[in-house]
């Protein structure tokens, strides 16, 4: 499907008030419940159109600071930025209790060391929601692509 056509469909969804169907109303969404969301997804599954109503964001972003919401949440909801979710590791899978990626504070900065794998959308994401172990336990970090991350592809 032509990306322009998909954008046109999303623009129609926005103008019809169907943008952010699971996003809380306070952030511009229509906050449909899980049953209505499932019905919509079932109907979309009957088509060959790779359509998303957009306006959604990972739940952790709704708990970000006001500054982080401006930088990450609102642009994701508007469709201007893309996020990826990095928890899976080669030896731990998605088991957060066995993460080996570790973050330590160095002054005001955090240094994160570890390896993530199978990160859907990672190559096109503007930032990453990354899970790492700290002295306090499992912690999430917003890692902006501009901070740099090393992407290696397996063959």
N, C-alpha and C. Protein backbone atom coordinates (compact mmCIF):
# COMPACT_ATOMS: atom_id res chain seq x y z
N UNK A 1 0.84 -1.18 0.00
CA UNK A 1 0.00 0.00 0.00
C UNK A 1 0.88 1.24 0.00
N UNK A 2 0.50 2.20 -0.77
CA UNK A 2 1.22 3.47 -0.85
C UNK A 2 1.16 4.17 0.51
N UNK A 3 2.34 4.56 1.05
CA UNK A 3 2.34 5.23 2.37
C UNK A 3 1.47 6.49 2.39
N UNK A 4 1.38 7.19 1.26
CA UNK A 4 0.53 8.38 1.20
C UNK A 4 -0.93 8.05 1.42
N UNK A 5 -1.36 6.90 0.88
CA UNK A 5 -2.74 6.46 1.06
C UNK A 5 -3.01 6.14 2.52
N UNK A 6 -2.06 5.50 3.17
CA UNK A 6 -2.21 5.18 4.59
C UNK A 6 -2.29 6.46 5.42
N UNK A 7 -1.48 7.44 5.08
CA UNK A 7 -1.52 8.73 5.76
C UNK A 7 -2.88 9.40 5.55
N UNK A 8 -3.41 9.31 4.34
CA UNK A 8 -4.74 9.87 4.06
C UNK A 8 -5.80 9.20 4.93
N UNK A 9 -5.71 7.88 5.07
CA UNK A 9 -6.68 7.16 5.92
C UNK A 9 -6.56 7.60 7.38
N UNK A 10 -5.32 7.77 7.83
CA UNK A 10 -5.13 8.21 9.21
C UNK A 10 -5.65 9.63 9.41
N UNK A 11 -5.47 10.49 8.42
CA UNK A 11 -6.01 11.85 8.51
C UNK A 11 -7.53 11.82 8.60
N UNK A 12 -8.17 10.91 7.85
CA UNK A 12 -9.63 10.77 7.93
C UNK A 12 -10.05 10.27 9.32
N UNK A 13 -9.28 9.35 9.86
CA UNK A 13 -9.58 8.85 11.20
C UNK A 13 -9.47 9.98 12.22
N UNK A 14 -8.44 10.82 12.08
CA UNK A 14 -8.27 11.96 12.99
C UNK A 14 -9.47 12.90 12.89
N UNK A 15 -9.87 13.24 11.66
CA UNK A 15 -10.98 14.19 11.49
C UNK A 15 -12.30 13.60 11.97
N UNK A 16 -12.41 12.27 11.99
CA UNK A 16 -13.63 11.61 12.48
C UNK A 16 -13.60 11.40 13.99
N UNK A 17 -12.52 11.86 14.64
CA UNK A 17 -12.42 11.72 16.08
C UNK A 17 -11.99 10.32 16.51
N UNK A 18 -11.34 9.58 15.62
CA UNK A 18 -10.94 8.21 15.92
C UNK A 18 -9.43 8.06 16.08
N UNK A 19 -8.78 9.12 16.48
CA UNK A 19 -7.34 9.06 16.71
C UNK A 19 -7.11 8.81 18.19
N UNK A 20 -6.24 7.90 18.51
CA UNK A 20 -5.96 7.62 19.92
C UNK A 20 -7.10 6.90 20.58
N UNK A 21 -7.54 5.78 19.99
CA UNK A 21 -8.72 5.11 20.53
C UNK A 21 -8.51 4.53 21.92
N UNK A 22 -7.27 4.25 22.30
CA UNK A 22 -7.00 3.76 23.66
C UNK A 22 -6.32 4.81 24.54
N UNK A 23 -6.06 5.97 23.97
CA UNK A 23 -5.38 7.04 24.69
C UNK A 23 -6.36 7.75 25.63
N UNK A 24 -5.95 8.03 26.87
CA UNK A 24 -6.83 8.76 27.79
C UNK A 24 -7.31 10.09 27.19
N UNK A 25 -8.54 10.45 27.52
CA UNK A 25 -9.14 11.68 26.99
C UNK A 25 -8.30 12.91 27.32
N UNK A 26 -7.69 12.94 28.51
CA UNK A 26 -6.92 14.11 28.91
C UNK A 26 -5.72 14.37 27.98
N UNK A 27 -5.36 13.34 27.18
CA UNK A 27 -4.25 13.49 26.23
C UNK A 27 -4.74 13.55 24.78
N UNK A 28 -6.03 13.77 24.61
CA UNK A 28 -6.57 13.95 23.26
C UNK A 28 -7.13 12.70 22.62
N UNK A 29 -7.18 11.60 23.35
CA UNK A 29 -7.72 10.36 22.81
C UNK A 29 -9.19 10.21 23.13
N UNK A 30 -9.75 9.07 22.73
CA UNK A 30 -11.16 8.82 23.04
C UNK A 30 -11.33 7.71 24.08
N UNK A 31 -10.22 7.13 24.54
CA UNK A 31 -10.18 6.20 25.67
C UNK A 31 -11.26 5.12 25.63
N UNK A 32 -11.29 4.38 24.52
CA UNK A 32 -12.22 3.26 24.44
C UNK A 32 -11.74 2.15 25.38
N UNK A 33 -12.68 1.42 25.89
CA UNK A 33 -12.34 0.30 26.76
C UNK A 33 -11.79 -0.87 25.96
N UNK A 34 -11.32 -1.90 26.66
CA UNK A 34 -10.70 -3.03 25.98
C UNK A 34 -11.65 -3.81 25.06
N UNK A 35 -12.93 -3.90 25.40
CA UNK A 35 -13.86 -4.65 24.56
C UNK A 35 -14.07 -3.93 23.23
N UNK A 36 -14.31 -2.62 23.28
CA UNK A 36 -14.50 -1.86 22.03
C UNK A 36 -13.21 -1.85 21.21
N UNK A 37 -12.09 -1.76 21.88
CA UNK A 37 -10.81 -1.80 21.17
C UNK A 37 -10.66 -3.15 20.45
N UNK A 38 -11.03 -4.23 21.12
CA UNK A 38 -10.95 -5.57 20.52
C UNK A 38 -11.88 -5.68 19.31
N UNK A 39 -13.08 -5.13 19.41
CA UNK A 39 -14.03 -5.18 18.29
C UNK A 39 -13.45 -4.44 17.08
N UNK A 40 -12.87 -3.28 17.32
CA UNK A 40 -12.27 -2.50 16.22
C UNK A 40 -11.12 -3.28 15.59
N UNK A 41 -10.26 -3.87 16.42
CA UNK A 41 -9.13 -4.63 15.89
C UNK A 41 -9.60 -5.86 15.12
N UNK A 42 -10.68 -6.50 15.56
CA UNK A 42 -11.23 -7.65 14.83
C UNK A 42 -11.72 -7.21 13.45
N UNK A 43 -12.39 -6.07 13.40
CA UNK A 43 -12.87 -5.56 12.11
C UNK A 43 -11.71 -5.19 11.19
N UNK A 44 -10.68 -4.58 11.75
CA UNK A 44 -9.50 -4.25 10.94
C UNK A 44 -8.82 -5.52 10.44
N UNK A 45 -8.88 -6.58 11.23
CA UNK A 45 -8.27 -7.85 10.84
C UNK A 45 -8.94 -8.48 9.64
N UNK A 46 -10.10 -8.01 9.27
CA UNK A 46 -10.81 -8.53 8.10
C UNK A 46 -10.35 -7.88 6.80
N UNK A 47 -9.42 -6.93 6.92
CA UNK A 47 -8.92 -6.23 5.74
C UNK A 47 -7.45 -6.58 5.53
N UNK A 48 -6.94 -6.13 4.41
CA UNK A 48 -5.51 -6.29 4.12
C UNK A 48 -4.78 -4.97 4.30
N UNK A 49 -5.45 -4.00 4.90
CA UNK A 49 -4.86 -2.68 5.09
C UNK A 49 -4.09 -2.66 6.41
N UNK A 50 -2.79 -2.35 6.38
CA UNK A 50 -2.00 -2.31 7.62
C UNK A 50 -2.27 -1.02 8.38
N UNK A 51 -3.49 -0.86 8.85
CA UNK A 51 -3.93 0.41 9.42
C UNK A 51 -3.85 0.41 10.93
N UNK A 52 -3.47 1.54 11.47
CA UNK A 52 -3.48 1.78 12.90
C UNK A 52 -4.15 3.12 13.14
N UNK A 53 -5.00 3.18 14.16
CA UNK A 53 -5.66 4.44 14.46
C UNK A 53 -4.71 5.44 15.09
N UNK A 54 -3.53 5.00 15.45
CA UNK A 54 -2.52 5.93 15.96
C UNK A 54 -2.95 6.60 17.24
N UNK A 55 -2.11 7.54 17.64
CA UNK A 55 -2.41 8.29 18.84
C UNK A 55 -2.15 7.53 20.12
N UNK A 56 -1.61 6.33 20.00
CA UNK A 56 -1.34 5.53 21.18
C UNK A 56 0.08 5.72 21.67
N UNK A 57 0.32 5.37 22.90
CA UNK A 57 1.65 5.47 23.48
C UNK A 57 1.81 4.37 24.52
N UNK A 58 3.04 3.95 24.74
CA UNK A 58 3.31 2.97 25.78
C UNK A 58 2.90 3.56 27.13
N UNK A 59 2.29 2.74 27.96
CA UNK A 59 1.75 3.20 29.25
C UNK A 59 2.76 3.93 30.12
N UNK A 60 4.01 3.52 30.08
CA UNK A 60 5.02 4.15 30.93
C UNK A 60 5.13 5.64 30.63
N UNK A 61 4.86 6.05 29.41
CA UNK A 61 4.97 7.48 29.04
C UNK A 61 3.93 8.34 29.74
N UNK A 62 2.80 7.76 30.11
CA UNK A 62 1.77 8.53 30.80
C UNK A 62 2.19 8.86 32.23
N UNK A 63 3.22 8.19 32.73
CA UNK A 63 3.72 8.43 34.09
C UNK A 63 5.01 9.23 34.09
N UNK A 64 5.39 9.75 32.94
CA UNK A 64 6.62 10.53 32.82
C UNK A 64 6.45 11.90 33.47
N UNK A 65 7.57 12.59 33.65
CA UNK A 65 7.51 13.96 34.17
C UNK A 65 6.87 14.86 33.12
N UNK A 66 6.45 16.05 33.51
CA UNK A 66 5.85 16.99 32.56
C UNK A 66 6.82 17.30 31.41
N UNK A 67 8.09 17.46 31.73
CA UNK A 67 9.10 17.74 30.71
C UNK A 67 9.23 16.56 29.74
N UNK A 68 9.24 15.35 30.27
CA UNK A 68 9.34 14.16 29.42
C UNK A 68 8.09 13.98 28.58
N UNK A 69 6.93 14.32 29.13
CA UNK A 69 5.70 14.23 28.34
C UNK A 69 5.77 15.17 27.14
N UNK A 70 6.28 16.37 27.34
CA UNK A 70 6.42 17.32 26.22
C UNK A 70 7.38 16.78 25.16
N UNK A 71 8.47 16.17 25.62
CA UNK A 71 9.51 15.69 24.71
C UNK A 71 9.13 14.38 24.01
N UNK A 72 8.40 13.49 24.71
CA UNK A 72 8.16 12.15 24.17
C UNK A 72 6.68 11.79 24.01
N UNK A 73 5.88 11.93 25.05
CA UNK A 73 4.49 11.47 25.01
C UNK A 73 3.67 12.18 23.94
N UNK A 74 3.60 13.51 24.01
CA UNK A 74 2.75 14.24 23.07
C UNK A 74 3.15 14.05 21.61
N UNK A 75 4.46 14.05 21.29
CA UNK A 75 4.84 13.78 19.90
C UNK A 75 4.47 12.36 19.44
N UNK A 76 4.51 11.37 20.35
CA UNK A 76 4.11 10.01 19.97
C UNK A 76 2.62 9.99 19.69
N UNK A 77 1.83 10.60 20.56
CA UNK A 77 0.39 10.63 20.36
C UNK A 77 0.04 11.32 19.04
N UNK A 78 0.77 12.38 18.72
CA UNK A 78 0.52 13.12 17.47
C UNK A 78 1.05 12.39 16.24
N UNK A 79 1.79 11.31 16.44
CA UNK A 79 2.34 10.57 15.31
C UNK A 79 3.61 11.19 14.75
N UNK A 80 4.25 12.08 15.53
CA UNK A 80 5.46 12.75 15.06
C UNK A 80 6.74 12.06 15.51
N UNK A 81 6.64 11.19 16.53
CA UNK A 81 7.79 10.43 17.01
C UNK A 81 7.36 8.98 17.19
N UNK A 82 8.36 8.09 17.08
CA UNK A 82 8.10 6.66 17.28
C UNK A 82 8.99 6.15 18.40
N UNK A 83 8.41 5.28 19.21
CA UNK A 83 9.13 4.67 20.32
C UNK A 83 9.33 3.18 20.05
N UNK A 84 10.29 2.60 20.73
CA UNK A 84 10.42 1.15 20.77
C UNK A 84 10.57 0.75 22.24
N UNK A 85 10.38 -0.50 22.51
CA UNK A 85 10.31 -1.04 23.87
C UNK A 85 11.42 -2.08 23.98
N UNK A 86 12.41 -1.85 24.83
CA UNK A 86 13.57 -2.74 24.91
C UNK A 86 13.66 -3.43 26.27
N UNK A 87 13.16 -4.65 26.32
CA UNK A 87 13.28 -5.46 27.53
C UNK A 87 13.99 -6.77 27.22
N UNK A 88 13.75 -7.35 26.04
CA UNK A 88 14.24 -8.68 25.71
C UNK A 88 15.76 -8.73 25.61
N UNK A 89 16.35 -9.76 26.24
CA UNK A 89 17.80 -9.96 26.23
C UNK A 89 18.12 -11.37 25.75
N UNK A 90 19.32 -11.58 25.21
CA UNK A 90 19.68 -12.90 24.69
C UNK A 90 19.52 -14.05 25.68
N UNK A 91 19.90 -13.87 26.93
CA UNK A 91 19.85 -14.96 27.91
C UNK A 91 18.64 -14.91 28.83
N UNK A 92 17.90 -13.81 28.82
CA UNK A 92 16.78 -13.67 29.75
C UNK A 92 15.43 -13.65 29.05
N UNK A 93 15.43 -13.50 27.72
CA UNK A 93 14.16 -13.33 27.03
C UNK A 93 13.50 -12.06 27.54
N UNK A 94 12.21 -12.15 27.84
CA UNK A 94 11.48 -10.98 28.37
C UNK A 94 11.23 -11.10 29.87
N UNK A 95 12.02 -11.91 30.53
CA UNK A 95 11.89 -12.10 31.97
C UNK A 95 12.63 -10.98 32.69
N UNK A 96 11.90 -10.00 33.16
CA UNK A 96 12.50 -8.82 33.78
C UNK A 96 13.29 -9.15 35.05
N UNK A 97 13.01 -10.28 35.67
CA UNK A 97 13.75 -10.63 36.89
C UNK A 97 15.16 -11.13 36.59
N UNK A 98 15.45 -11.45 35.34
CA UNK A 98 16.77 -11.95 34.97
C UNK A 98 17.54 -11.02 34.04
N UNK A 99 17.20 -9.75 34.04
CA UNK A 99 17.90 -8.80 33.18
C UNK A 99 19.36 -8.69 33.58
N UNK A 100 20.22 -8.60 32.58
CA UNK A 100 21.64 -8.38 32.83
C UNK A 100 22.06 -6.96 32.47
N UNK A 101 21.22 -6.27 31.69
CA UNK A 101 21.52 -4.87 31.39
C UNK A 101 21.47 -4.10 32.70
N UNK A 102 22.52 -3.36 32.99
CA UNK A 102 22.63 -2.68 34.26
C UNK A 102 22.86 -1.19 34.03
N UNK A 103 22.25 -0.36 34.85
CA UNK A 103 22.44 1.09 34.78
C UNK A 103 22.99 1.57 36.12
N UNK A 104 23.96 2.45 36.04
CA UNK A 104 24.51 3.04 37.26
C UNK A 104 24.58 4.55 37.06
N UNK A 105 24.38 5.26 38.14
CA UNK A 105 24.42 6.70 38.09
C UNK A 105 25.86 7.18 38.18
N UNK A 106 26.18 8.13 37.31
CA UNK A 106 27.51 8.74 37.27
C UNK A 106 27.29 10.24 37.33
N UNK A 107 27.28 10.78 38.54
CA UNK A 107 26.94 12.20 38.71
C UNK A 107 25.46 12.37 38.41
N UNK A 108 25.12 13.25 37.48
CA UNK A 108 23.73 13.47 37.09
C UNK A 108 23.31 12.57 35.93
N UNK A 109 24.26 11.87 35.34
CA UNK A 109 23.99 11.01 34.19
C UNK A 109 23.84 9.56 34.62
N UNK A 110 23.28 8.76 33.71
CA UNK A 110 23.19 7.33 33.91
C UNK A 110 24.02 6.65 32.82
N UNK A 111 24.73 5.62 33.19
CA UNK A 111 25.50 4.82 32.25
C UNK A 111 24.81 3.46 32.19
N UNK A 112 24.42 3.06 30.98
CA UNK A 112 23.70 1.80 30.78
C UNK A 112 24.59 0.87 29.97
N UNK A 113 24.77 -0.34 30.48
CA UNK A 113 25.56 -1.36 29.79
C UNK A 113 24.74 -2.64 29.70
N UNK A 114 24.72 -3.22 28.51
CA UNK A 114 24.01 -4.47 28.33
C UNK A 114 23.66 -4.67 26.87
N UNK A 115 22.90 -5.72 26.62
CA UNK A 115 22.53 -6.08 25.26
C UNK A 115 21.04 -6.39 25.21
N UNK A 116 20.36 -5.83 24.24
CA UNK A 116 18.94 -6.11 24.01
C UNK A 116 18.81 -6.76 22.64
N UNK A 117 17.75 -7.53 22.46
CA UNK A 117 17.54 -8.21 21.20
C UNK A 117 16.05 -8.23 20.86
N UNK A 118 15.74 -8.47 19.61
CA UNK A 118 14.35 -8.54 19.14
C UNK A 118 13.55 -7.28 19.51
N UNK A 119 14.09 -6.13 19.19
CA UNK A 119 13.42 -4.87 19.52
C UNK A 119 12.62 -4.42 18.29
N UNK A 120 11.34 -4.73 18.30
CA UNK A 120 10.48 -4.37 17.17
C UNK A 120 10.45 -2.87 17.00
N UNK A 121 10.69 -2.43 15.79
CA UNK A 121 10.66 -1.00 15.48
C UNK A 121 11.89 -0.24 15.92
N UNK A 122 12.89 -0.92 16.45
CA UNK A 122 14.09 -0.25 16.96
C UNK A 122 14.86 0.53 15.92
N UNK A 123 14.89 0.02 14.69
CA UNK A 123 15.68 0.71 13.66
C UNK A 123 15.02 2.01 13.21
N UNK A 124 13.71 2.16 13.42
CA UNK A 124 13.03 3.38 13.00
C UNK A 124 12.55 4.26 14.14
N UNK A 125 12.89 3.87 15.36
CA UNK A 125 12.40 4.61 16.54
C UNK A 125 13.22 5.87 16.79
N UNK A 126 12.55 6.87 17.32
CA UNK A 126 13.21 8.12 17.73
C UNK A 126 13.78 8.01 19.13
N UNK A 127 13.17 7.13 19.94
CA UNK A 127 13.66 6.90 21.29
C UNK A 127 13.23 5.51 21.73
N UNK A 128 13.82 5.07 22.82
CA UNK A 128 13.59 3.73 23.32
C UNK A 128 13.17 3.79 24.79
N UNK A 129 12.23 2.95 25.16
CA UNK A 129 11.88 2.73 26.55
C UNK A 129 12.65 1.48 26.94
N UNK A 130 13.71 1.65 27.69
CA UNK A 130 14.65 0.58 27.98
C UNK A 130 14.56 0.16 29.43
N UNK A 131 14.57 -1.15 29.66
CA UNK A 131 14.53 -1.72 31.00
C UNK A 131 15.93 -2.15 31.40
N UNK A 132 16.35 -1.75 32.60
CA UNK A 132 17.67 -2.12 33.11
C UNK A 132 17.59 -2.29 34.62
N UNK A 133 18.53 -3.03 35.15
CA UNK A 133 18.63 -3.22 36.59
C UNK A 133 19.41 -2.04 37.18
N UNK A 134 18.97 -1.57 38.32
CA UNK A 134 19.68 -0.56 39.09
C UNK A 134 19.73 -1.06 40.53
N UNK A 135 20.34 -0.29 41.40
CA UNK A 135 20.35 -0.68 42.82
C UNK A 135 18.94 -0.76 43.38
N UNK A 136 18.00 -0.02 42.78
CA UNK A 136 16.62 -0.02 43.25
C UNK A 136 15.79 -1.14 42.64
N UNK A 137 16.34 -1.88 41.68
CA UNK A 137 15.60 -2.94 40.99
C UNK A 137 15.42 -2.58 39.52
N UNK A 138 14.41 -3.17 38.89
CA UNK A 138 14.16 -2.91 37.47
C UNK A 138 13.67 -1.47 37.31
N UNK A 139 14.32 -0.76 36.40
CA UNK A 139 14.02 0.65 36.16
C UNK A 139 13.88 0.88 34.67
N UNK A 140 12.97 1.77 34.28
CA UNK A 140 12.84 2.11 32.86
C UNK A 140 13.54 3.44 32.60
N UNK A 141 14.13 3.52 31.41
CA UNK A 141 14.83 4.72 30.98
C UNK A 141 14.32 5.12 29.60
N UNK A 142 14.19 6.42 29.39
CA UNK A 142 13.92 6.94 28.05
C UNK A 142 15.26 7.26 27.42
N UNK A 143 15.59 6.54 26.37
CA UNK A 143 16.88 6.71 25.71
C UNK A 143 16.62 7.28 24.32
N UNK A 144 16.99 8.52 24.12
CA UNK A 144 16.78 9.19 22.86
C UNK A 144 17.81 8.72 21.85
N UNK A 145 17.40 8.53 20.61
CA UNK A 145 18.33 8.09 19.57
C UNK A 145 19.51 9.05 19.46
N UNK A 146 19.28 10.33 19.70
CA UNK A 146 20.37 11.31 19.62
C UNK A 146 21.47 11.04 20.65
N UNK A 147 21.14 10.29 21.71
CA UNK A 147 22.14 9.92 22.71
C UNK A 147 23.05 8.83 22.16
N UNK A 148 22.57 8.17 21.13
CA UNK A 148 23.34 7.11 20.48
C UNK A 148 23.02 5.75 21.03
N UNK A 149 22.81 4.83 20.14
CA UNK A 149 22.74 3.43 20.52
C UNK A 149 23.29 2.63 19.37
N UNK A 150 23.88 1.51 19.71
CA UNK A 150 24.55 0.68 18.74
C UNK A 150 23.60 -0.41 18.28
N UNK A 151 23.23 -0.37 16.99
CA UNK A 151 22.35 -1.40 16.44
C UNK A 151 23.18 -2.37 15.62
N UNK A 152 23.12 -3.63 15.99
CA UNK A 152 23.80 -4.68 15.21
C UNK A 152 22.73 -5.64 14.74
N UNK A 153 22.87 -6.09 13.53
CA UNK A 153 21.91 -7.05 12.97
C UNK A 153 22.54 -8.43 12.95
N UNK A 154 21.73 -9.42 13.31
CA UNK A 154 22.18 -10.81 13.21
C UNK A 154 21.98 -11.27 11.77
N UNK A 155 22.80 -12.21 11.35
CA UNK A 155 22.65 -12.74 9.99
C UNK A 155 22.00 -14.07 10.01
